[in-house]
Amino acid sequence: MDDARSKKMKSGLEKAPHRSLLYALGLTREEMERPLVGVVNAASEVVPGHMHLDALASAVKAGVRMAGGTPLEFPAIAVCDGIAMNHEGMRFSLPSREFIADSIEIMARGHAFDALVFIPNCDKCVPGMLMAMMRLNLPSVLVSGGPMLPGNLGPHTRGDLITVFEAVGRVRSGTLSEDELERMAERACPGCGACAGMFTANSMNCLAETIGVALPGNGTIPAVSAARVRLAKTAGMRVMDLLKNNIRPLDIVTPESVANAVAVDMALGCSTNTVLHLPAVFGEAGLDMGLEVFDEVSRKSPNLCKLSPAGKHFMVDLDNAGGIPAVMSELDKLGLIHKDCLTVTGKTVGENLKALNARIEDPDVIHPIGQAYSKQGGIAILRGSLAPGGAVVKQSAVAPEMMRRDVRARVFESEEDAMQAILDGKIRPGDGVVIRYEGPRGGPGMREMLSPTAAITGMGLGKDVALLTDGRFSGGTNGAAIGHISPEAADGGIIALVREGDMIRIDIPGRKLDLLVEEAELEKRRAGLVRPQKDCPYPVLRRYAYLVSSAANGGRYKDI
């Protein structure tokens, strides 16, 4: 380690002032002489998924010290999507991903760390840290905070945050009282961790494990488990081995690990937000990844799990059933896993699976390939006259009645207007709720639409109503929720031309999404189109919240 990066910041006659500042931190001379490991800790008293990360950071630092390094902790921000949902706060969620990546790069380059351990947990913090990891390409390990346990809502009844979101619609439909809703709200989220289902945070933590930049167990070990603390200590020790052997993220992240990630994504039925995050992460590694990759892999990767919101199981059940190694081992039977990919264990995927004796422990939670829920994966990419640039749907969470359906357009210019109409009982079976000007540019910020989709489900309309938007959905969304419609309305996409009462044809098995309006009529509408003027009073959104291309082209942000 004589060529350690930190030497240029701490060694030599002219760096005596720098050492003076390190002494001011309480470091001894011996600690200064060791490799300096940055510990990126996103702990927060605001985000339930992050409120316990200080304990994990302490464990990581213990592991680093045991292995001969000097850990130095610094913070990262994180937005809780559940708390930010359905108000202006959600406009800041997706842009926070870029801010997280940028701020970590600034800290890591400014202080010449030799290696890094990343401790995120929730939605945009995980991909933001992964983007920084690729960009910096220092020896690194990611160790997440782990999933929340499901809440006990009553005898033999479990639930999670999505249960509460959907219960709002039940109150409006008269099948649940407000007192019952409040009791449910008190019990659904029992403590720390990323919300208990296969939502965006847990999706990305599972995929970080699949890619190989996190240790086995990262995606599924519960937040409250002692095994999570042991995992954090191991991550601290492992990063020192990576530094010693000069193994870096770009040695691990390859086209083959991309394929592994998407195959597991499809098997698990992950959040549609992975379509935004994986291309951004892999883009930082110099790998192009468009929507066609998701569709190609989805067509040959079976859906093996139905975790909340698609089914009755939760992340703790997946962990007990064998976790991500069991899923990868099952997919390997179809030749879908590249077992020669390197991982942060220092071993290949295949060596890890063999060492873990990876296998399905509960076939009710992880179906064997012969009893897959479907032969195709969880996400489908739709194209057609309404979405020439593509649209995304979690097909594993769509009722059979909505897989092929013609729906009547009910058009809204914002999420708030649509939500009000849903709760007021103005949406009927056969409707297609169209929410536009909520894309990355039109929003701005590309808000998630969990509140309206959950309200539709809670009011008993999940098998009869679709929701279509140029915005995006939470990983907790279920039903015929079709998002990322591209081009977005603000960029003159066809969705801007839809009118009340138009018919829209949804054909998920056929991968089609068409507006059933003649081209001549669309030309007339285009000529008279007046776009809403939305003021953006927030400087941070003006800097970060404008996509220069659709999700189909990598979902990347840049300053304007």
Protein backbone atom coordinates (compact mmCIF):
# COMPACT_ATOMS: atom_id res chain seq x y z
CA MET A 1 0.00 0.00 0.00
CA ASP A 2 2.99 2.30 -0.45
CA ASP A 3 1.26 3.97 -3.39
CA ALA A 4 -1.84 4.82 -1.32
CA ARG A 5 -3.72 7.86 -2.61
CA SER A 6 -3.81 9.39 0.84
CA LYS A 7 -0.02 9.72 0.89
CA LYS A 8 -0.23 12.73 -1.41
CA MET A 9 -2.40 14.38 1.24
CA LYS A 10 -0.56 13.37 4.43
CA SER A 11 3.08 12.45 3.67
CA GLY A 12 6.21 14.53 3.19
CA LEU A 13 7.68 17.75 4.53
CA GLU A 14 5.24 20.04 2.77
CA LYS A 15 2.25 18.12 4.16
CA ALA A 16 3.04 18.94 7.79
CA PRO A 17 0.13 21.45 7.88
CA HIS A 18 -2.18 18.72 6.60
CA ARG A 19 -0.99 16.37 9.33
CA SER A 20 -1.63 19.12 11.86
CA LEU A 21 -5.30 19.08 10.85
CA LEU A 22 -5.40 15.29 11.07
CA TYR A 23 -3.92 15.52 14.56
CA ALA A 24 -6.76 17.94 15.32
CA LEU A 25 -9.20 15.10 14.53
CA GLY A 26 -7.59 13.10 17.32
CA LEU A 27 -5.67 10.79 14.99
CA THR A 28 -2.40 9.32 16.19
CA ARG A 29 0.68 9.15 14.01
CA GLU A 30 0.11 5.41 13.67
CA GLU A 31 -3.45 5.97 12.43
CA MET A 32 -2.21 8.51 9.87
CA GLU A 33 0.28 6.02 8.51
CA ARG A 34 -2.47 3.50 7.77
CA PRO A 35 -4.74 3.64 4.68
CA LEU A 36 -7.57 6.14 5.10
CA VAL A 37 -11.01 4.66 4.45
CA GLY A 38 -13.97 6.96 3.93
CA VAL A 39 -17.17 5.68 5.56
CA VAL A 40 -20.15 7.34 3.85
CA ASN A 41 -22.97 7.29 6.38
CA ALA A 42 -26.48 8.41 5.40
CA ALA A 43 -27.82 8.26 8.97
CA SER A 44 -30.83 10.46 9.64
CA GLU A 45 -33.48 11.14 12.27
CA VAL A 46 -35.92 11.86 9.43
CA VAL A 47 -35.85 8.60 7.45
CA PRO A 48 -36.91 5.35 9.20
CA GLY A 49 -34.70 3.36 6.87
CA HIS A 50 -31.70 5.37 8.02
CA MET A 51 -32.29 5.97 11.72
CA HIS A 52 -30.10 3.00 12.73
CA LEU A 53 -27.22 3.56 10.31
CA ASP A 54 -24.94 5.02 12.99
CA ALA A 55 -24.77 1.56 14.57
CA LEU A 56 -23.80 0.03 11.24
CA ALA A 57 -21.23 2.76 10.64
CA SER A 58 -19.65 1.91 14.00
CA ALA A 59 -19.52 -1.74 12.94
CA VAL A 60 -17.95 -0.85 9.59
CA LYS A 61 -15.30 1.25 11.33
CA ALA A 62 -14.56 -1.61 13.72
CA GLY A 63 -14.04 -3.88 10.73
CA VAL A 64 -11.73 -1.39 9.03
CA ARG A 65 -9.64 -1.03 12.18
CA MET A 66 -9.45 -4.80 12.68
CA ALA A 67 -8.04 -5.09 9.18
CA GLY A 68 -5.42 -2.35 9.62
CA GLY A 69 -7.11 0.76 8.22
CA THR A 70 -8.16 4.12 9.62
CA PRO A 71 -11.85 4.89 9.04
CA LEU A 72 -13.07 8.47 8.66
CA GLU A 73 -16.82 8.98 8.53
CA PHE A 74 -18.67 11.62 6.55
CA PRO A 75 -22.40 12.11 5.85
CA ALA A 76 -24.79 11.84 2.92
CA ILE A 77 -28.37 12.99 2.62
CA ALA A 78 -31.43 10.86 1.88
CA VAL A 79 -35.09 11.65 1.12
CA CYS A 80 -37.80 9.36 2.53
CA ASP A 81 -40.07 8.85 -0.46
CA GLY A 82 -42.99 7.79 1.72
CA ILE A 83 -42.87 11.02 3.71
CA ALA A 84 -42.23 13.11 0.59
CA MET A 85 -45.09 11.49 -1.34
CA ASN A 86 -48.05 13.45 -2.74
CA HIS A 87 -46.77 16.97 -2.05
CA GLU A 88 -44.00 19.18 -3.41
CA GLY A 89 -41.40 17.22 -1.47
CA MET A 90 -41.56 14.43 -4.05
CA ARG A 91 -40.16 16.78 -6.70
CA PHE A 92 -36.86 16.66 -4.82
CA SER A 93 -36.56 12.90 -4.46
CA LEU A 94 -35.18 11.83 -7.83
CA PRO A 95 -32.88 14.87 -8.18
CA SER A 96 -31.40 13.97 -4.79
CA ARG A 97 -29.76 10.98 -6.47
CA GLU A 98 -27.49 13.27 -8.48
CA PHE A 99 -26.77 15.49 -5.49
CA ILE A 100 -25.77 12.46 -3.40
CA ALA A 101 -23.38 11.21 -6.09
CA ASP A 102 -21.86 14.66 -6.60
CA SER A 103 -21.39 15.39 -2.90
CA ILE A 104 -19.70 12.04 -2.24
CA GLU A 105 -17.35 12.61 -5.17
CA ILE A 106 -16.45 16.02 -3.75
CA MET A 107 -15.68 14.60 -0.31
CA ALA A 108 -13.74 11.59 -1.59
CA ARG A 109 -11.59 13.53 -4.05
CA GLY A 110 -11.15 16.48 -1.72
CA HIS A 111 -9.73 14.28 1.05
CA ALA A 112 -7.79 11.68 -0.98
CA PHE A 113 -9.32 8.55 0.53
CA ASP A 114 -7.73 5.23 -0.32
CA ALA A 115 -10.98 3.25 -0.18
CA LEU A 116 -14.66 3.73 0.65
CA VAL A 117 -17.51 1.94 2.39
CA PHE A 118 -20.98 3.18 1.48
CA ILE A 119 -23.90 2.91 3.95
CA PRO A 120 -27.24 3.83 2.32
CA ASN A 121 -30.66 2.24 2.58
CA CYS A 122 -33.53 4.11 0.96
CA ASP A 123 -34.67 4.87 -2.53
CA LYS A 124 -32.37 7.42 -4.22
CA CYS A 125 -29.54 7.10 -1.73
CA VAL A 126 -28.61 3.60 -2.92
CA PRO A 127 -28.29 4.43 -6.65
CA GLY A 128 -26.69 7.78 -5.80
CA MET A 129 -23.99 6.02 -3.80
CA LEU A 130 -23.55 3.37 -6.50
CA MET A 131 -23.09 6.13 -9.09
CA ALA A 132 -20.42 7.75 -6.91
CA MET A 133 -18.75 4.37 -6.44
CA MET A 134 -18.47 3.86 -10.21
CA ARG A 135 -17.35 7.43 -10.81
CA LEU A 136 -14.58 7.32 -8.21
CA ASN A 137 -13.51 3.72 -8.90
CA LEU A 138 -11.77 3.32 -5.54
CA PRO A 139 -11.78 -0.04 -3.72
CA SER A 140 -15.29 0.00 -2.29
CA VAL A 141 -18.04 -2.01 -0.61
CA LEU A 142 -21.70 -1.06 -0.19
CA VAL A 143 -23.54 -2.26 2.91
CA SER A 144 -27.16 -1.18 3.23
CA GLY A 145 -29.26 -0.71 6.34
CA GLY A 146 -31.50 -3.67 5.46
CA PRO A 147 -35.27 -4.12 5.17
CA MET A 148 -37.88 -3.30 7.79
CA LEU A 149 -39.93 -6.12 9.28
CA PRO A 150 -43.61 -6.19 8.29
CA GLY A 151 -46.08 -4.86 10.81
CA ASN A 152 -48.54 -7.03 12.73
CA LEU A 153 -51.95 -5.52 11.99
CA GLY A 154 -53.97 -8.18 13.79
CA PRO A 155 -54.12 -11.93 14.38
CA HIS A 156 -52.29 -13.63 11.48
CA THR A 157 -52.39 -10.37 9.51
CA ARG A 158 -49.23 -8.61 8.34
CA GLY A 159 -48.86 -5.37 6.45
CA ASP A 160 -46.48 -2.58 5.45
CA LEU A 161 -46.52 1.03 4.33
CA ILE A 162 -48.41 0.16 1.14
CA THR A 163 -51.18 -1.38 3.23
CA VAL A 164 -51.72 2.06 4.75
CA PHE A 165 -51.59 3.88 1.41
CA GLU A 166 -54.23 1.52 0.00
CA ALA A 167 -56.34 1.83 3.15
CA VAL A 168 -56.90 5.52 2.39
CA GLY A 169 -58.99 4.44 -0.59
CA ARG A 170 -60.84 1.95 1.61
CA VAL A 171 -61.85 4.76 3.96
CA ARG A 172 -63.23 6.78 1.04
CA SER A 173 -65.12 3.75 -0.27
CA GLY A 174 -66.65 3.15 3.17
CA THR A 175 -65.08 -0.24 3.90
CA LEU A 176 -62.74 1.03 6.65
CA SER A 177 -63.18 3.61 9.39
CA GLU A 178 -60.75 6.44 10.07
CA ASP A 179 -60.04 5.00 13.52
CA GLU A 180 -59.15 1.65 11.96
CA LEU A 181 -56.91 3.44 9.46
CA GLU A 182 -55.04 5.22 12.26
CA ARG A 183 -54.54 1.98 14.17
CA MET A 184 -53.17 0.44 11.00
CA ALA A 185 -50.85 3.42 10.50
CA GLU A 186 -49.47 2.93 14.02
CA ARG A 187 -48.65 -0.75 13.43
CA ALA A 188 -47.71 -1.14 9.76
CA CYS A 189 -44.14 0.16 10.08
CA PRO A 190 -42.77 -1.36 13.30
CA GLY A 191 -39.30 0.18 13.32
CA CYS A 192 -36.10 0.84 11.42
CA GLY A 193 -35.31 -0.37 7.91
CA ALA A 194 -36.31 0.09 4.30
CA CYS A 195 -40.07 -0.52 3.89
CA ALA A 196 -40.77 -4.23 4.13
CA GLY A 197 -41.70 -5.12 0.53
CA MET A 198 -39.91 -5.25 -2.81
CA PHE A 199 -40.08 -1.51 -3.30
CA THR A 200 -37.34 0.66 -4.81
CA ALA A 201 -34.96 0.69 -1.84
CA ASN A 202 -34.96 -3.06 -1.32
CA SER A 203 -34.88 -3.62 -5.08
CA MET A 204 -31.67 -1.62 -5.42
CA ASN A 205 -30.09 -3.18 -2.33
CA CYS A 206 -30.81 -6.65 -3.73
CA LEU A 207 -29.39 -5.66 -7.11
CA ALA A 208 -26.24 -4.21 -5.51
CA GLU A 209 -25.70 -7.68 -4.05
CA THR A 210 -26.41 -9.27 -7.43
CA ILE A 211 -23.97 -6.99 -9.26
CA GLY A 212 -21.28 -7.97 -6.77
CA VAL A 213 -20.49 -4.60 -5.14
CA ALA A 214 -22.20 -5.65 -1.89
CA LEU A 215 -21.73 -8.80 0.16
CA PRO A 216 -24.14 -11.76 0.06
CA GLY A 217 -27.08 -11.00 2.34
CA ASN A 218 -26.96 -7.26 1.73
CA GLY A 219 -30.39 -7.12 0.12
CA THR A 220 -32.40 -9.24 2.54
CA ILE A 221 -30.94 -9.49 6.07
CA PRO A 222 -33.44 -7.56 8.25
CA ALA A 223 -32.38 -4.19 9.62
CA VAL A 224 -32.93 -5.30 13.21
CA SER A 225 -30.86 -8.49 12.93
CA ALA A 226 -27.45 -8.93 14.54
CA ALA A 227 -26.47 -10.51 11.24
CA ARG A 228 -26.76 -7.03 9.70
CA VAL A 229 -24.18 -5.71 12.20
CA ARG A 230 -21.88 -8.63 11.43
CA LEU A 231 -22.29 -7.92 7.72
CA ALA A 232 -21.22 -4.31 8.32
CA LYS A 233 -18.11 -5.43 10.23
CA THR A 234 -17.28 -7.83 7.42
CA ALA A 235 -17.71 -5.03 4.87
CA GLY A 236 -15.13 -2.98 6.78
CA MET A 237 -12.67 -5.85 6.71
CA ARG A 238 -13.38 -6.72 3.10
CA VAL A 239 -12.66 -3.22 1.82
CA MET A 240 -9.13 -3.53 3.20
CA ASP A 241 -8.64 -6.76 1.24
CA LEU A 242 -9.92 -5.04 -1.88
CA LEU A 243 -7.43 -2.23 -1.33
CA LYS A 244 -4.58 -4.68 -0.77
CA ASN A 245 -5.45 -6.56 -3.98
CA ASN A 246 -6.36 -3.40 -5.95
CA ILE A 247 -9.84 -4.68 -6.81
CA ARG A 248 -12.02 -1.78 -7.88
CA PRO A 249 -15.70 -1.35 -8.83
CA LEU A 250 -14.95 -1.25 -12.56
CA ASP A 251 -13.31 -4.67 -12.21
CA ILE A 252 -16.64 -5.96 -10.89
CA VAL A 253 -19.20 -4.03 -12.97
CA THR A 254 -19.10 -5.50 -16.47
CA PRO A 255 -21.64 -6.25 -19.22
CA GLU A 256 -22.01 -9.70 -17.64
CA SER A 257 -22.83 -8.31 -14.21
CA VAL A 258 -25.36 -6.03 -15.92
CA ALA A 259 -27.05 -9.10 -17.35
CA ASN A 260 -27.04 -10.78 -13.93
CA ALA A 261 -28.67 -7.73 -12.35
CA VAL A 262 -31.47 -7.51 -14.90
CA ALA A 263 -32.17 -11.26 -14.72
CA VAL A 264 -32.55 -11.09 -10.92
CA ASP A 265 -34.59 -7.88 -11.28
CA MET A 266 -37.07 -9.77 -13.45
CA ALA A 267 -37.16 -12.83 -11.20
CA LEU A 268 -37.88 -10.75 -8.08
CA GLY A 269 -40.43 -8.42 -9.68
CA CYS A 270 -38.47 -5.35 -8.63
CA SER A 271 -39.58 -1.73 -8.75
CA THR A 272 -40.01 -0.06 -12.14
CA ASN A 273 -37.59 2.57 -10.81
CA THR A 274 -34.75 0.15 -11.56
CA VAL A 275 -35.29 1.16 -15.18
CA LEU A 276 -34.12 4.65 -14.17
CA HIS A 277 -31.41 3.69 -11.70
CA LEU A 278 -29.55 0.78 -13.30
CA PRO A 279 -28.81 2.70 -16.54
CA ALA A 280 -27.55 5.66 -14.50
CA VAL A 281 -25.30 3.44 -12.35
CA PHE A 282 -23.95 1.47 -15.28
CA GLY A 283 -23.58 4.68 -17.28
CA GLU A 284 -21.10 5.89 -14.67
CA ALA A 285 -19.19 2.68 -15.35
CA GLY A 286 -19.09 3.50 -19.07
CA LEU A 287 -21.70 0.89 -20.00
CA ASP A 288 -24.70 1.81 -22.16
CA MET A 289 -28.00 0.34 -21.07
CA GLY A 290 -31.32 1.11 -22.75
CA LEU A 291 -34.85 -0.18 -22.29
CA GLU A 292 -34.24 -2.92 -24.83
CA VAL A 293 -31.99 -4.71 -22.33
CA PHE A 294 -34.83 -4.94 -19.81
CA ASP A 295 -37.29 -6.19 -22.40
CA GLU A 296 -34.88 -8.72 -23.90
CA VAL A 297 -33.97 -10.22 -20.53
CA SER A 298 -37.56 -10.07 -19.27
CA ARG A 299 -38.73 -12.28 -22.14
CA LYS A 300 -36.47 -15.14 -21.01
CA SER A 301 -36.26 -14.65 -17.23
CA PRO A 302 -39.09 -16.22 -15.22
CA ASN A 303 -40.82 -14.37 -12.39
CA LEU A 304 -40.06 -16.45 -9.29
CA CYS A 305 -41.22 -14.17 -6.45
CA LYS A 306 -44.29 -12.13 -5.62
CA LEU A 307 -43.33 -9.91 -2.73
CA SER A 308 -45.40 -6.99 -1.51
CA PRO A 309 -46.95 -5.14 -3.33
CA ALA A 310 -47.39 -7.95 -5.88
CA GLY A 311 -48.03 -10.69 -3.32
CA LYS A 312 -48.31 -11.71 0.31
CA HIS A 313 -44.62 -12.15 1.12
CA PHE A 314 -42.16 -9.63 2.55
CA MET A 315 -38.38 -9.17 2.49
CA VAL A 316 -37.88 -11.16 5.70
CA ASP A 317 -39.59 -14.09 3.99
CA LEU A 318 -37.20 -13.82 1.06
CA ASP A 319 -34.26 -13.82 3.46
CA ASN A 320 -35.54 -16.94 5.22
CA ALA A 321 -36.15 -18.61 1.86
CA GLY A 322 -32.50 -18.32 0.84
CA GLY A 323 -32.24 -14.70 -0.29
CA ILE A 324 -30.60 -13.48 -3.47
CA PRO A 325 -28.14 -16.41 -3.68
CA ALA A 326 -31.08 -18.82 -3.87
CA VAL A 327 -32.70 -16.78 -6.65
CA MET A 328 -29.43 -16.62 -8.59
CA SER A 329 -28.86 -20.35 -8.14
CA GLU A 330 -32.30 -21.09 -9.55
CA LEU A 331 -31.82 -18.74 -12.52
CA ASP A 332 -28.48 -20.41 -13.18
CA LYS A 333 -30.39 -23.58 -14.09
CA LEU A 334 -31.57 -21.68 -17.18
CA GLY A 335 -28.09 -20.35 -17.95
CA LEU A 336 -29.11 -16.81 -16.99
CA ILE A 337 -26.30 -16.13 -14.48
CA HIS A 338 -22.72 -15.33 -15.44
CA LYS A 339 -20.92 -17.16 -12.64
CA ASP A 340 -17.43 -15.95 -13.55
CA CYS A 341 -18.16 -12.34 -12.53
CA LEU A 342 -15.92 -11.01 -9.75
CA THR A 343 -17.47 -9.75 -6.50
CA VAL A 344 -16.34 -7.82 -3.41
CA THR A 345 -15.78 -11.11 -1.58
CA GLY A 346 -12.74 -11.48 -3.83
CA LYS A 347 -14.42 -14.56 -5.30
CA THR A 348 -16.62 -15.04 -8.33
CA VAL A 349 -20.40 -15.31 -8.28
CA GLY A 350 -20.12 -19.04 -8.84
CA GLU A 351 -17.65 -19.47 -6.00
CA ASN A 352 -19.92 -17.49 -3.68
CA LEU A 353 -22.95 -19.59 -4.57
CA LYS A 354 -21.01 -22.79 -3.97
CA ALA A 355 -19.60 -21.57 -0.64
CA LEU A 356 -23.08 -20.58 0.52
CA ASN A 357 -24.63 -23.84 -0.70
CA ALA A 358 -27.23 -21.55 -2.26
CA ARG A 359 -30.63 -23.17 -2.69
CA ILE A 360 -34.32 -22.48 -2.18
CA GLU A 361 -35.33 -23.02 1.45
CA ASP A 362 -39.01 -22.14 0.99
CA PRO A 363 -40.55 -22.82 -2.45
CA ASP A 364 -43.67 -20.90 -1.46
CA VAL A 365 -41.60 -17.70 -1.40
CA ILE A 366 -39.10 -18.44 -4.18
CA HIS A 367 -40.78 -20.60 -6.78
CA PRO A 368 -38.59 -23.14 -8.60
CA ILE A 369 -38.26 -22.44 -12.31
CA GLY A 370 -40.67 -25.26 -13.08
CA GLN A 371 -43.39 -23.57 -11.02
CA ALA A 372 -42.60 -19.93 -11.92
CA TYR A 373 -45.40 -17.40 -11.59
CA SER A 374 -44.80 -16.61 -15.24
CA LYS A 375 -42.24 -17.45 -17.89
CA GLN A 376 -41.47 -13.75 -18.31
CA GLY A 377 -40.00 -11.34 -15.81
CA GLY A 378 -41.56 -8.70 -13.62
CA ILE A 379 -41.10 -5.65 -15.87
CA ALA A 380 -42.41 -5.13 -19.40
CA ILE A 381 -41.51 -2.35 -21.84
CA LEU A 382 -44.42 -1.11 -23.94
CA ARG A 383 -44.24 0.86 -27.17
CA GLY A 384 -46.82 2.20 -29.57
CA SER A 385 -48.46 5.38 -30.75
CA LEU A 386 -48.90 6.68 -27.17
CA ALA A 387 -45.33 5.78 -26.17
CA PRO A 388 -43.02 5.76 -29.20
CA GLY A 389 -40.04 6.18 -26.86
CA GLY A 390 -41.25 3.46 -24.52
CA ALA A 391 -43.21 3.04 -21.30
CA VAL A 392 -42.68 0.81 -18.26
CA VAL A 393 -45.05 -1.43 -16.30
CA LYS A 394 -44.51 -3.95 -13.50
CA GLN A 395 -46.44 -6.73 -15.22
CA SER A 396 -45.99 -9.09 -12.27
CA ALA A 397 -48.28 -6.80 -10.23
CA VAL A 398 -51.02 -6.39 -12.89
CA ALA A 399 -54.33 -8.24 -12.54
CA PRO A 400 -55.09 -10.67 -15.41
CA GLU A 401 -58.14 -8.57 -16.33
CA MET A 402 -55.90 -5.60 -17.14
CA MET A 403 -53.20 -7.33 -19.17
CA ARG A 404 -55.17 -6.60 -22.36
CA ARG A 405 -57.75 -3.84 -22.08
CA ASP A 406 -59.16 -0.83 -23.92
CA VAL A 407 -59.66 2.02 -21.44
CA ARG A 408 -61.39 5.39 -21.63
CA ALA A 409 -59.05 8.33 -21.04
CA ARG A 410 -59.68 10.52 -18.02
CA VAL A 411 -57.17 13.34 -18.40
CA PHE A 412 -55.47 15.30 -15.59
CA GLU A 413 -52.66 17.84 -15.74
CA SER A 414 -51.27 16.99 -12.29
CA GLU A 415 -51.19 14.26 -9.67
CA GLU A 416 -53.21 16.37 -7.22
CA ASP A 417 -56.13 16.77 -9.66
CA ALA A 418 -56.19 13.04 -10.39
CA MET A 419 -56.02 12.12 -6.71
CA GLN A 420 -58.98 14.34 -5.90
CA ALA A 421 -61.08 12.80 -8.66
CA ILE A 422 -60.24 9.27 -7.48
CA LEU A 423 -61.11 9.98 -3.85
CA ASP A 424 -64.32 11.80 -4.89
CA GLY A 425 -65.52 8.64 -6.66
CA LYS A 426 -65.37 10.13 -10.16
CA ILE A 427 -63.32 7.27 -11.64
CA ARG A 428 -65.26 4.29 -12.93
CA PRO A 429 -64.42 0.77 -14.15
CA GLY A 430 -62.98 0.93 -17.65
CA ASP A 431 -61.31 4.30 -17.10
CA GLY A 432 -57.67 5.02 -17.83
CA VAL A 433 -56.43 7.83 -15.57
CA VAL A 434 -53.94 9.87 -17.61
CA ILE A 435 -51.66 12.10 -15.52
CA ARG A 436 -49.35 14.23 -17.64
CA TYR A 437 -46.85 17.05 -17.23
CA GLU A 438 -45.37 15.09 -14.32
CA GLY A 439 -42.25 13.92 -16.16
CA PRO A 440 -38.71 14.96 -15.28
CA ARG A 441 -38.95 18.20 -17.24
CA GLY A 442 -42.68 18.87 -16.97
CA GLY A 443 -43.00 18.20 -13.22
CA PRO A 444 -40.30 19.12 -12.67
CA GLY A 445 -38.70 16.29 -10.76
CA MET A 446 -40.66 13.23 -12.01
CA ARG A 447 -42.74 12.59 -8.92
CA GLU A 448 -43.85 9.11 -7.92
CA MET A 449 -47.57 8.36 -8.19
CA LEU A 450 -48.07 5.98 -5.28
CA SER A 451 -50.97 7.87 -3.72
CA PRO A 452 -53.31 7.66 -6.75
CA THR A 453 -52.41 4.06 -7.61
CA ALA A 454 -52.87 2.96 -3.99
CA ALA A 455 -56.18 4.82 -3.80
CA ILE A 456 -57.39 3.03 -6.95
CA THR A 457 -56.48 -0.32 -5.42
CA GLY A 458 -57.96 0.56 -2.03
CA MET A 459 -61.27 1.54 -3.62
CA GLY A 460 -61.52 -1.87 -5.27
CA LEU A 461 -60.77 -0.66 -8.81
CA GLY A 462 -57.40 -2.35 -9.30
CA LYS A 463 -58.81 -4.90 -11.74
CA ASP A 464 -60.73 -2.35 -13.79
CA VAL A 465 -58.80 0.94 -13.94
CA ALA A 466 -55.41 1.80 -15.44
CA LEU A 467 -53.16 4.73 -14.62
CA LEU A 468 -50.91 6.12 -17.34
CA THR A 469 -48.34 8.87 -16.81
CA ASP A 470 -45.15 10.47 -18.06
CA GLY A 471 -44.17 10.50 -14.39
CA ARG A 472 -43.11 7.41 -12.49
CA PHE A 473 -44.35 5.05 -9.81
CA SER A 474 -43.19 3.93 -6.40
CA GLY A 475 -41.87 0.42 -6.07
CA GLY A 476 -44.92 -0.05 -3.86
CA THR A 477 -47.34 0.48 -6.74
CA ASN A 478 -49.40 -2.40 -8.07
CA GLY A 479 -52.04 -2.70 -10.77
CA ALA A 480 -52.05 -1.51 -14.39
CA ALA A 481 -49.76 1.42 -13.62
CA ILE A 482 -47.90 2.40 -16.79
CA GLY A 483 -45.25 5.06 -16.29
CA HIS A 484 -42.24 6.74 -17.92
CA ILE A 485 -44.34 7.35 -21.05
CA SER A 486 -41.90 8.86 -23.50
CA PRO A 487 -41.61 11.44 -24.92
CA GLU A 488 -43.17 13.25 -21.97
CA ALA A 489 -45.90 15.84 -22.44
CA ALA A 490 -43.53 18.75 -21.76
CA ASP A 491 -41.40 17.60 -24.70
CA GLY A 492 -44.39 17.41 -27.05
CA GLY A 493 -45.08 13.72 -26.58
CA ILE A 494 -48.33 12.18 -27.80
CA ILE A 495 -49.56 11.99 -24.22
CA ALA A 496 -49.98 15.79 -24.41
CA LEU A 497 -52.58 15.29 -27.17
CA VAL A 498 -54.84 12.85 -25.32
CA ARG A 499 -58.34 14.19 -24.68
CA GLU A 500 -61.08 13.18 -22.27
CA GLY A 501 -62.91 10.12 -23.59
CA ASP A 502 -60.24 8.94 -26.04
CA MET A 503 -59.74 5.19 -26.09
CA ILE A 504 -56.34 3.74 -25.21
CA ARG A 505 -55.39 0.15 -25.98
CA ILE A 506 -53.21 -1.64 -23.43
CA ASP A 507 -51.62 -4.91 -24.56
CA ILE A 508 -48.96 -5.91 -22.05
CA PRO A 509 -48.28 -9.41 -23.46
CA GLY A 510 -47.94 -7.81 -26.91
CA ARG A 511 -45.81 -4.96 -25.45
CA LYS A 512 -48.11 -2.34 -27.03
CA LEU A 513 -49.61 0.95 -25.83
CA ASP A 514 -51.67 2.79 -28.43
CA LEU A 515 -53.89 5.86 -28.52
CA LEU A 516 -56.85 4.93 -30.74
CA VAL A 517 -57.10 8.29 -32.49
CA GLU A 518 -56.51 8.91 -36.21
CA GLU A 519 -53.28 10.66 -37.18
CA ALA A 520 -55.17 13.46 -38.95
CA GLU A 521 -57.00 14.27 -35.71
CA LEU A 522 -53.75 14.24 -33.77
CA GLU A 523 -52.25 16.72 -36.23
CA LYS A 524 -55.15 19.09 -35.60
CA ARG A 525 -54.65 18.78 -31.86
CA ARG A 526 -50.91 19.30 -32.19
CA ALA A 527 -51.46 22.53 -34.10
CA GLY A 528 -53.65 23.89 -31.32
CA LEU A 529 -51.69 22.56 -28.38
CA VAL A 530 -51.11 24.98 -25.51
CA ARG A 531 -48.78 23.64 -22.85
CA PRO A 532 -49.29 24.57 -19.21
CA GLN A 533 -46.72 27.01 -17.90
CA LYS A 534 -45.23 25.71 -14.66
CA ASP A 535 -43.07 27.97 -12.56
CA CYS A 536 -40.04 26.38 -10.92
CA PRO A 537 -39.12 28.55 -7.92
CA TYR A 538 -36.52 26.15 -6.52
CA PRO A 539 -32.88 26.70 -7.56
CA VAL A 540 -31.92 23.11 -6.72
CA LEU A 541 -34.54 21.79 -9.13
CA ARG A 542 -33.38 24.13 -11.85
CA ARG A 543 -29.91 22.67 -11.44
CA TYR A 544 -30.74 18.99 -11.08
CA ALA A 545 -34.29 18.10 -12.09
CA TYR A 546 -34.24 18.19 -15.89
CA LEU A 547 -33.73 14.99 -17.78
CA VAL A 548 -32.04 15.57 -21.13
CA SER A 549 -33.22 12.19 -22.38
CA SER A 550 -36.01 9.80 -21.55
CA ALA A 551 -35.67 6.75 -19.35
CA ALA A 552 -35.38 4.86 -22.63
CA ASN A 553 -32.06 6.58 -23.24
CA GLY A 554 -30.49 6.13 -19.87
CA GLY A 555 -32.45 8.37 -17.52
CA ARG A 556 -29.54 10.69 -16.82
CA TYR A 557 -29.61 14.18 -15.39
CA LYS A 558 -27.32 17.10 -16.04
CA ASP A 559 -27.24 20.72 -14.97
CA ILE A 560 -29.11 23.14 -17.23
